[in-house]
Amino acid sequence: MERGVSVSLVGPLTVVVAVVVVVVVGVVVVVVVGVVVVVVVGVVVVVVVGVVVVVVVGVVVVVVVGVVVVVVVGVVVVVVV
């Protein structure tokens, strides 16, 4: 009797439920992993772009300040001499 009951539990309905659960869990995992990857890639891109912008702006500021200092020192030297 028990064998008959256990065999009847493994029927088409159980297979369908198992397939639906596997598909739903798979879709959820894919979506969650996709969102995490997009967020991580977004953060990395923002950080890299931020670092590049800071470095470029820093180099431009140093060059501009250097040129201004050279010009001012040159003018002062010419005026004094």
PDB file of N, CA and C in Angstrom:
ATOM      1  N   MET A   1       0.826  -1.186   0.000  1.00  0.00           N
ATOM      2  CA  MET A   1       0.000   0.000   0.000  1.00  0.00           C
ATOM      3  C   MET A   1       0.872   1.253   0.000  1.00  0.00           C
ATOM      4  N   GLU A   2       1.891   1.248   0.876  1.00  0.00           N
ATOM      5  CA  GLU A   2       2.747   2.423   0.939  1.00  0.00           C
ATOM      6  C   GLU A   2       3.470   2.643  -0.389  1.00  0.00           C
ATOM      7  N   ARG A   3       3.879   1.567  -1.026  1.00  0.00           N
ATOM      8  CA  ARG A   3       4.567   1.686  -2.306  1.00  0.00           C
ATOM      9  C   ARG A   3       3.632   2.336  -3.335  1.00  0.00           C
ATOM     10  N   GLY A   4       2.401   1.973  -3.355  1.00  0.00           N
ATOM     11  CA  GLY A   4       1.425   2.553  -4.283  1.00  0.00           C
ATOM     12  C   GLY A   4       1.235   4.028  -4.033  1.00  0.00           C
ATOM     13  N   VAL A   5       1.202   4.428  -2.782  1.00  0.00           N
ATOM     14  CA  VAL A   5       1.027   5.842  -2.442  1.00  0.00           C
ATOM     15  C   VAL A   5       2.237   6.645  -2.905  1.00  0.00           C
ATOM     16  N   SER A   6       3.443   6.147  -2.649  1.00  0.00           N
ATOM     17  CA  SER A   6       4.643   6.877  -3.023  1.00  0.00           C
ATOM     18  C   SER A   6       4.776   6.965  -4.547  1.00  0.00           C
ATOM     19  N   VAL A   7       4.384   5.915  -5.239  1.00  0.00           N
ATOM     20  CA  VAL A   7       4.446   5.945  -6.700  1.00  0.00           C
ATOM     21  C   VAL A   7       3.444   6.951  -7.243  1.00  0.00           C
ATOM     22  N   SER A   8       2.276   7.047  -6.638  1.00  0.00           N
ATOM     23  CA  SER A   8       1.267   7.981  -7.134  1.00  0.00           C
ATOM     24  C   SER A   8       1.699   9.426  -6.893  1.00  0.00           C
ATOM     25  N   LEU A   9       2.551   9.656  -5.894  1.00  0.00           N
ATOM     26  CA  LEU A   9       3.029  11.022  -5.652  1.00  0.00           C
ATOM     27  C   LEU A   9       3.929  11.494  -6.790  1.00  0.00           C
ATOM     28  N   VAL A  10       4.665  10.570  -7.393  1.00  0.00           N
ATOM     29  CA  VAL A  10       5.539  10.917  -8.500  1.00  0.00           C
ATOM     30  C   VAL A  10       4.723  10.769  -9.771  1.00  0.00           C
ATOM     31  N   GLY A  11       3.948  11.775 -10.055  1.00  0.00           N
ATOM     32  CA  GLY A  11       3.126  11.754 -11.249  1.00  0.00           C
ATOM     33  C   GLY A  11       3.413  12.947 -12.117  1.00  0.00           C
ATOM     34  N   PRO A  12       2.604  13.107 -13.129  1.00  0.00           N
ATOM     35  CA  PRO A  12       2.804  14.239 -14.040  1.00  0.00           C
ATOM     36  C   PRO A  12       2.737  15.598 -13.324  1.00  0.00           C
ATOM     37  N   LEU A  13       1.837  15.703 -12.341  1.00  0.00           N
ATOM     38  CA  LEU A  13       1.703  16.979 -11.623  1.00  0.00           C
ATOM     39  C   LEU A  13       2.983  17.318 -10.869  1.00  0.00           C
ATOM     40  N   THR A  14       3.597  16.322 -10.239  1.00  0.00           N
ATOM     41  CA  THR A  14       4.851  16.547  -9.519  1.00  0.00           C
ATOM     42  C   THR A  14       5.958  16.979 -10.469  1.00  0.00           C
ATOM     43  N   VAL A  15       6.011  16.357 -11.631  1.00  0.00           N
ATOM     44  CA  VAL A  15       7.027  16.723 -12.624  1.00  0.00           C
ATOM     45  C   VAL A  15       6.803  18.145 -13.095  1.00  0.00           C
ATOM     46  N   VAL A  16       5.565  18.514 -13.364  1.00  0.00           N
ATOM     47  CA  VAL A  16       5.249  19.870 -13.816  1.00  0.00           C
ATOM     48  C   VAL A  16       5.623  20.888 -12.747  1.00  0.00           C
ATOM     49  N   VAL A  17       5.269  20.598 -11.502  1.00  0.00           N
ATOM     50  CA  VAL A  17       5.614  21.514 -10.400  1.00  0.00           C
ATOM     51  C   VAL A  17       7.127  21.637 -10.272  1.00  0.00           C
ATOM     52  N   ALA A  18       7.835  20.513 -10.379  1.00  0.00           N
ATOM     53  CA  ALA A  18       9.301  20.557 -10.275  1.00  0.00           C
ATOM     54  C   ALA A  18       9.908  21.387 -11.405  1.00  0.00           C
ATOM     55  N   VAL A  19       9.407  21.202 -12.618  1.00  0.00           N
ATOM     56  CA  VAL A  19       9.915  21.973 -13.762  1.00  0.00           C
ATOM     57  C   VAL A  19       9.628  23.449 -13.568  1.00  0.00           C
ATOM     58  N   VAL A  20       8.430  23.803 -13.127  1.00  0.00           N
ATOM     59  CA  VAL A  20       8.078  25.214 -12.902  1.00  0.00           C
ATOM     60  C   VAL A  20       8.975  25.816 -11.830  1.00  0.00           C
ATOM     61  N   VAL A  21       9.205  25.077 -10.748  1.00  0.00           N
ATOM     62  CA  VAL A  21      10.066  25.588  -9.675  1.00  0.00           C
ATOM     63  C   VAL A  21      11.489  25.802 -10.185  1.00  0.00           C
ATOM     64  N   VAL A  22      12.005  24.848 -10.949  1.00  0.00           N
ATOM     65  CA  VAL A  22      13.364  24.978 -11.480  1.00  0.00           C
ATOM     66  C   VAL A  22      13.454  26.172 -12.425  1.00  0.00           C
ATOM     67  N   VAL A  23      12.452  26.334 -13.284  1.00  0.00           N
ATOM     68  CA  VAL A  23      12.462  27.460 -14.233  1.00  0.00           C
ATOM     69  C   VAL A  23      12.369  28.783 -13.490  1.00  0.00           C
ATOM     70  N   VAL A  24      11.467  28.883 -12.520  1.00  0.00           N
ATOM     71  CA  VAL A  24      11.306  30.137 -11.765  1.00  0.00           C
ATOM     72  C   VAL A  24      12.579  30.466 -11.003  1.00  0.00           C
ATOM     73  N   VAL A  25      13.146  29.480 -10.321  1.00  0.00           N
ATOM     74  CA  VAL A  25      14.393  29.716  -9.576  1.00  0.00           C
ATOM     75  C   VAL A  25      15.510  30.108 -10.536  1.00  0.00           C
ATOM     76  N   GLY A  26      15.582  29.439 -11.677  1.00  0.00           N
ATOM     77  CA  GLY A  26      16.601  29.800 -12.676  1.00  0.00           C
ATOM     78  C   GLY A  26      16.449  31.215 -13.162  1.00  0.00           C
ATOM     79  N   VAL A  27      15.228  31.628 -13.473  1.00  0.00           N
ATOM     80  CA  VAL A  27      14.988  32.996 -13.943  1.00  0.00           C
ATOM     81  C   VAL A  27      15.354  34.000 -12.857  1.00  0.00           C
ATOM     82  N   VAL A  28      14.962  33.724 -11.623  1.00  0.00           N
ATOM     83  CA  VAL A  28      15.288  34.640 -10.515  1.00  0.00           C
ATOM     84  C   VAL A  28      16.797  34.760 -10.355  1.00  0.00           C
ATOM     85  N   VAL A  29      17.503  33.633 -10.404  1.00  0.00           N
ATOM     86  CA  VAL A  29      18.963  33.658 -10.263  1.00  0.00           C
ATOM     87  C   VAL A  29      19.595  34.454 -11.404  1.00  0.00           C
ATOM     88  N   VAL A  30      19.128  34.219 -12.633  1.00  0.00           N
ATOM     89  CA  VAL A  30      19.676  34.953 -13.780  1.00  0.00           C
ATOM     90  C   VAL A  30      19.419  36.448 -13.639  1.00  0.00           C
ATOM     91  N   VAL A  31      18.224  36.826 -13.231  1.00  0.00           N
ATOM     92  CA  VAL A  31      17.900  38.251 -13.074  1.00  0.00           C
ATOM     93  C   VAL A  31      18.748  38.876 -11.977  1.00  0.00           C
ATOM     94  N   VAL A  32      18.850  38.194 -10.833  1.00  0.00           N
ATOM     95  CA  VAL A  32      19.636  38.734  -9.712  1.00  0.00           C
ATOM     96  C   VAL A  32      21.103  38.871 -10.108  1.00  0.00           C
ATOM     97  N   VAL A  33      21.654  37.827 -10.730  1.00  0.00           N
ATOM     98  CA  VAL A  33      23.054  37.889 -11.159  1.00  0.00           C
ATOM     99  C   VAL A  33      23.237  38.990 -12.195  1.00  0.00           C
ATOM    100  N   GLY A  34      22.286  39.114 -13.116  1.00  0.00           N
ATOM    101  CA  GLY A  34      22.363  40.180 -14.119  1.00  0.00           C
ATOM    102  C   GLY A  34      22.363  41.558 -13.495  1.00  0.00           C
ATOM    103  N   VAL A  35      21.480  41.779 -12.538  1.00  0.00           N
ATOM    104  CA  VAL A  35      21.414  43.083 -11.864  1.00  0.00           C
ATOM    105  C   VAL A  35      22.715  43.356 -11.120  1.00  0.00           C
ATOM    106  N   VAL A  36      23.229  42.356 -10.421  1.00  0.00           N
ATOM    107  CA  VAL A  36      24.483  42.531  -9.677  1.00  0.00           C
ATOM    108  C   VAL A  36      25.626  42.869 -10.642  1.00  0.00           C
ATOM    109  N   VAL A  37      25.696  42.150 -11.765  1.00  0.00           N
ATOM    110  CA  VAL A  37      26.755  42.413 -12.736  1.00  0.00           C
ATOM    111  C   VAL A  37      26.630  43.830 -13.294  1.00  0.00           C
ATOM    112  N   VAL A  38      25.406  44.246 -13.637  1.00  0.00           N
ATOM    113  CA  VAL A  38      25.202  45.603 -14.169  1.00  0.00           C
ATOM    114  C   VAL A  38      25.611  46.650 -13.136  1.00  0.00           C
ATOM    115  N   VAL A  39      25.228  46.442 -11.890  1.00  0.00           N
ATOM    116  CA  VAL A  39      25.576  47.411 -10.833  1.00  0.00           C
ATOM    117  C   VAL A  39      27.086  47.458 -10.630  1.00  0.00           C
ATOM    118  N   VAL A  40      27.722  46.291 -10.560  1.00  0.00           N
ATOM    119  CA  VAL A  40      29.174  46.253 -10.342  1.00  0.00           C
ATOM    120  C   VAL A  40      29.909  46.902 -11.515  1.00  0.00           C
ATOM    121  N   VAL A  41      29.502  46.552 -12.734  1.00  0.00           N
ATOM    122  CA  VAL A  41      30.137  47.157 -13.909  1.00  0.00           C
ATOM    123  C   VAL A  41      29.907  48.664 -13.920  1.00  0.00           C
ATOM    124  N   GLY A  42      28.698  49.088 -13.571  1.00  0.00           N
ATOM    125  CA  GLY A  42      28.409  50.525 -13.499  1.00  0.00           C
ATOM    126  C   GLY A  42      29.295  51.235 -12.494  1.00  0.00           C
ATOM    127  N   VAL A  43      29.446  50.651 -11.314  1.00  0.00           N
ATOM    128  CA  VAL A  43      30.291  51.265 -10.282  1.00  0.00           C
ATOM    129  C   VAL A  43      31.745  51.323 -10.753  1.00  0.00           C
ATOM    130  N   VAL A  44      32.226  50.236 -11.359  1.00  0.00           N
ATOM    131  CA  VAL A  44      33.612  50.218 -11.847  1.00  0.00           C
ATOM    132  C   VAL A  44      33.806  51.288 -12.923  1.00  0.00           C
ATOM    133  N   VAL A  45      32.847  51.402 -13.844  1.00  0.00           N
ATOM    134  CA  VAL A  45      32.959  52.418 -14.901  1.00  0.00           C
ATOM    135  C   VAL A  45      32.967  53.822 -14.295  1.00  0.00           C
ATOM    136  N   VAL A  46      32.077  54.070 -13.336  1.00  0.00           N
ATOM    137  CA  VAL A  46      32.019  55.401 -12.705  1.00  0.00           C
ATOM    138  C   VAL A  46      33.335  55.701 -11.990  1.00  0.00           C
ATOM    139  N   VAL A  47      33.875  54.715 -11.273  1.00  0.00           N
ATOM    140  CA  VAL A  47      35.137  54.927 -10.547  1.00  0.00           C
ATOM    141  C   VAL A  47      36.275  55.178 -11.527  1.00  0.00           C
ATOM    142  N   VAL A  48      36.362  54.355 -12.580  1.00  0.00           N
ATOM    143  CA  VAL A  48      37.449  54.518 -13.556  1.00  0.00           C
ATOM    144  C   VAL A  48      37.337  55.866 -14.255  1.00  0.00           C
ATOM    145  N   VAL A  49      36.129  56.221 -14.693  1.00  0.00           N
ATOM    146  CA  VAL A  49      35.935  57.516 -15.356  1.00  0.00           C
ATOM    147  C   VAL A  49      36.260  58.654 -14.392  1.00  0.00           C
ATOM    148  N   GLY A  50      35.848  58.504 -13.137  1.00  0.00           N
ATOM    149  CA  GLY A  50      36.161  59.527 -12.136  1.00  0.00           C
ATOM    150  C   GLY A  50      37.659  59.694 -11.945  1.00  0.00           C
ATOM    151  N   VAL A  51      38.380  58.587 -11.843  1.00  0.00           N
ATOM    152  CA  VAL A  51      39.832  58.651 -11.677  1.00  0.00           C
ATOM    153  C   VAL A  51      40.478  59.293 -12.898  1.00  0.00           C
ATOM    154  N   VAL A  52      40.035  58.910 -14.089  1.00  0.00           N
ATOM    155  CA  VAL A  52      40.598  59.492 -15.315  1.00  0.00           C
ATOM    156  C   VAL A  52      40.336  60.990 -15.351  1.00  0.00           C
ATOM    157  N   VAL A  53      39.124  61.409 -15.014  1.00  0.00           N
ATOM    158  CA  VAL A  53      38.795  62.843 -15.018  1.00  0.00           C
ATOM    159  C   VAL A  53      39.663  63.586 -14.007  1.00  0.00           C
ATOM    160  N   VAL A  54      39.814  63.024 -12.810  1.00  0.00           N
ATOM    161  CA  VAL A  54      40.641  63.688 -11.788  1.00  0.00           C
ATOM    162  C   VAL A  54      42.090  63.796 -12.261  1.00  0.00           C
ATOM    163  N   VAL A  55      42.618  62.738 -12.857  1.00  0.00           N
ATOM    164  CA  VAL A  55      44.006  62.765 -13.332  1.00  0.00           C
ATOM    165  C   VAL A  55      44.158  63.791 -14.457  1.00  0.00           C
ATOM    166  N   VAL A  56      43.237  63.786 -15.423  1.00  0.00           N
ATOM    167  CA  VAL A  56      43.320  64.731 -16.540  1.00  0.00           C
ATOM    168  C   VAL A  56      43.202  66.163 -16.047  1.00  0.00           C
ATOM    169  N   VAL A  57      42.235  66.421 -15.174  1.00  0.00           N
ATOM    170  CA  VAL A  57      42.078  67.775 -14.634  1.00  0.00           C
ATOM    171  C   VAL A  57      43.317  68.162 -13.840  1.00  0.00           C
ATOM    172  N   GLY A  58      43.852  67.240 -13.063  1.00  0.00           N
ATOM    173  CA  GLY A  58      45.067  67.536 -12.299  1.00  0.00           C
ATOM    174  C   GLY A  58      46.236  67.885 -13.204  1.00  0.00           C
ATOM    175  N   VAL A  59      46.433  67.120 -14.273  1.00  0.00           N
ATOM    176  CA  VAL A  59      47.524  67.402 -15.201  1.00  0.00           C
ATOM    177  C   VAL A  59      47.314  68.756 -15.868  1.00  0.00           C
ATOM    178  N   VAL A  60      46.089  69.042 -16.295  1.00  0.00           N
ATOM    179  CA  VAL A  60      45.804  70.343 -16.930  1.00  0.00           C
ATOM    180  C   VAL A  60      46.079  71.478 -15.957  1.00  0.00           C
ATOM    181  N   VAL A  61      45.645  71.334 -14.717  1.00  0.00           N
ATOM    182  CA  VAL A  61      45.881  72.392 -13.720  1.00  0.00           C
ATOM    183  C   VAL A  61      47.369  72.581 -13.493  1.00  0.00           C
ATOM    184  N   VAL A  62      48.108  71.478 -13.361  1.00  0.00           N
ATOM    185  CA  VAL A  62      49.555  71.589 -13.144  1.00  0.00           C
ATOM    186  C   VAL A  62      50.226  72.273 -14.330  1.00  0.00           C
ATOM    187  N   VAL A  63      49.846  71.909 -15.536  1.00  0.00           N
ATOM    188  CA  VAL A  63      50.445  72.521 -16.729  1.00  0.00           C
ATOM    189  C   VAL A  63      50.099  74.001 -16.797  1.00  0.00           C
ATOM    190  N   VAL A  64      48.838  74.342 -16.574  1.00  0.00           N
ATOM    191  CA  VAL A  64      48.419  75.753 -16.636  1.00  0.00           C
ATOM    192  C   VAL A  64      49.135  76.564 -15.565  1.00  0.00           C
ATOM    193  N   VAL A  65      49.168  76.040 -14.338  1.00  0.00           N
ATOM    194  CA  VAL A  65      49.857  76.759 -13.254  1.00  0.00           C
ATOM    195  C   VAL A  65      51.344  76.882 -13.584  1.00  0.00           C
ATOM    196  N   GLY A  66      51.922  75.814 -14.116  1.00  0.00           N
ATOM    197  CA  GLY A  66      53.339  75.872 -14.492  1.00  0.00           C
ATOM    198  C   GLY A  66      53.596  76.933 -15.547  1.00  0.00           C
ATOM    199  N   VAL A  67      52.763  76.998 -16.568  1.00  0.00           N
ATOM    200  CA  VAL A  67      52.923  78.018 -17.617  1.00  0.00           C
ATOM    201  C   VAL A  67      52.762  79.408 -17.023  1.00  0.00           C
ATOM    202  N   VAL A  68      51.764  79.607 -16.190  1.00  0.00           N
ATOM    203  CA  VAL A  68      51.540  80.925 -15.574  1.00  0.00           C
ATOM    204  C   VAL A  68      52.749  81.314 -14.728  1.00  0.00           C
ATOM    205  N   VAL A  69      53.272  80.376 -13.940  1.00  0.00           N
ATOM    206  CA  VAL A  69      54.431  80.676 -13.100  1.00  0.00           C
ATOM    207  C   VAL A  69      55.634  81.035 -13.963  1.00  0.00           C
ATOM    208  N   VAL A  70      55.872  80.282 -15.032  1.00  0.00           N
ATOM    209  CA  VAL A  70      57.005  80.566 -15.914  1.00  0.00           C
ATOM    210  C   VAL A  70      56.844  81.938 -16.554  1.00  0.00           C
ATOM    211  N   VAL A  71      55.648  82.256 -17.019  1.00  0.00           N
ATOM    212  CA  VAL A  71      55.406  83.569 -17.650  1.00  0.00           C
ATOM    213  C   VAL A  71      55.593  84.690 -16.627  1.00  0.00           C
ATOM    214  N   VAL A  72      55.028  84.530 -15.439  1.00  0.00           N
ATOM    215  CA  VAL A  72      55.140  85.576 -14.418  1.00  0.00           C
ATOM    216  C   VAL A  72      56.598  85.753 -14.011  1.00  0.00           C
ATOM    217  N   VAL A  73      57.297  84.649 -13.776  1.00  0.00           N
ATOM    218  CA  VAL A  73      58.711  84.742 -13.400  1.00  0.00           C
ATOM    219  C   VAL A  73      59.506  85.377 -14.539  1.00  0.00           C
ATOM    220  N   GLY A  74      59.201  84.993 -15.765  1.00  0.00           N
ATOM    221  CA  GLY A  74      59.893  85.602 -16.916  1.00  0.00           C
ATOM    222  C   GLY A  74      59.650  87.092 -17.004  1.00  0.00           C
ATOM    223  N   VAL A  75      58.414  87.520 -16.800  1.00  0.00           N
ATOM    224  CA  VAL A  75      58.092  88.955 -16.850  1.00  0.00           C
ATOM    225  C   VAL A  75      58.799  89.685 -15.722  1.00  0.00           C
ATOM    226  N   VAL A  76      58.791  89.117 -14.531  1.00  0.00           N
ATOM    227  CA  VAL A  76      59.462  89.746 -13.390  1.00  0.00           C
ATOM    228  C   VAL A  76      60.960  89.860 -13.662  1.00  0.00           C
ATOM    229  N   VAL A  77      61.566  88.808 -14.199  1.00  0.00           N
ATOM    230  CA  VAL A  77      62.999  88.840 -14.496  1.00  0.00           C
ATOM    231  C   VAL A  77      63.297  89.906 -15.543  1.00  0.00           C
ATOM    232  N   VAL A  78      62.479  89.980 -16.582  1.00  0.00           N
ATOM    233  CA  VAL A  78      62.697  90.979 -17.643  1.00  0.00           C
ATOM    234  C   VAL A  78      62.531  92.386 -17.081  1.00  0.00           C
ATOM    235  N   VAL A  79      61.517  92.606 -16.249  1.00  0.00           N
ATOM    236  CA  VAL A  79      61.286  93.943 -15.685  1.00  0.00           C
ATOM    237  C   VAL A  79      62.424  94.318 -14.747  1.00  0.00           C
ATOM    238  N   VAL A  80      62.871  93.392 -13.932  1.00  0.00           N
ATOM    239  CA  VAL A  80      63.937  93.682 -12.975  1.00  0.00           C
ATOM    240  C   VAL A  80      65.251  93.929 -13.706  1.00  0.00           C
ATOM    241  N   VAL A  81      65.553  93.129 -14.715  1.00  0.00           N
ATOM    242  CA  VAL A  81      66.820  93.279 -15.439  1.00  0.00           C
ATOM    243  C   VAL A  81      66.701  94.482 -16.334  1.00  0.00           C
TER     244      VAL A  81
END
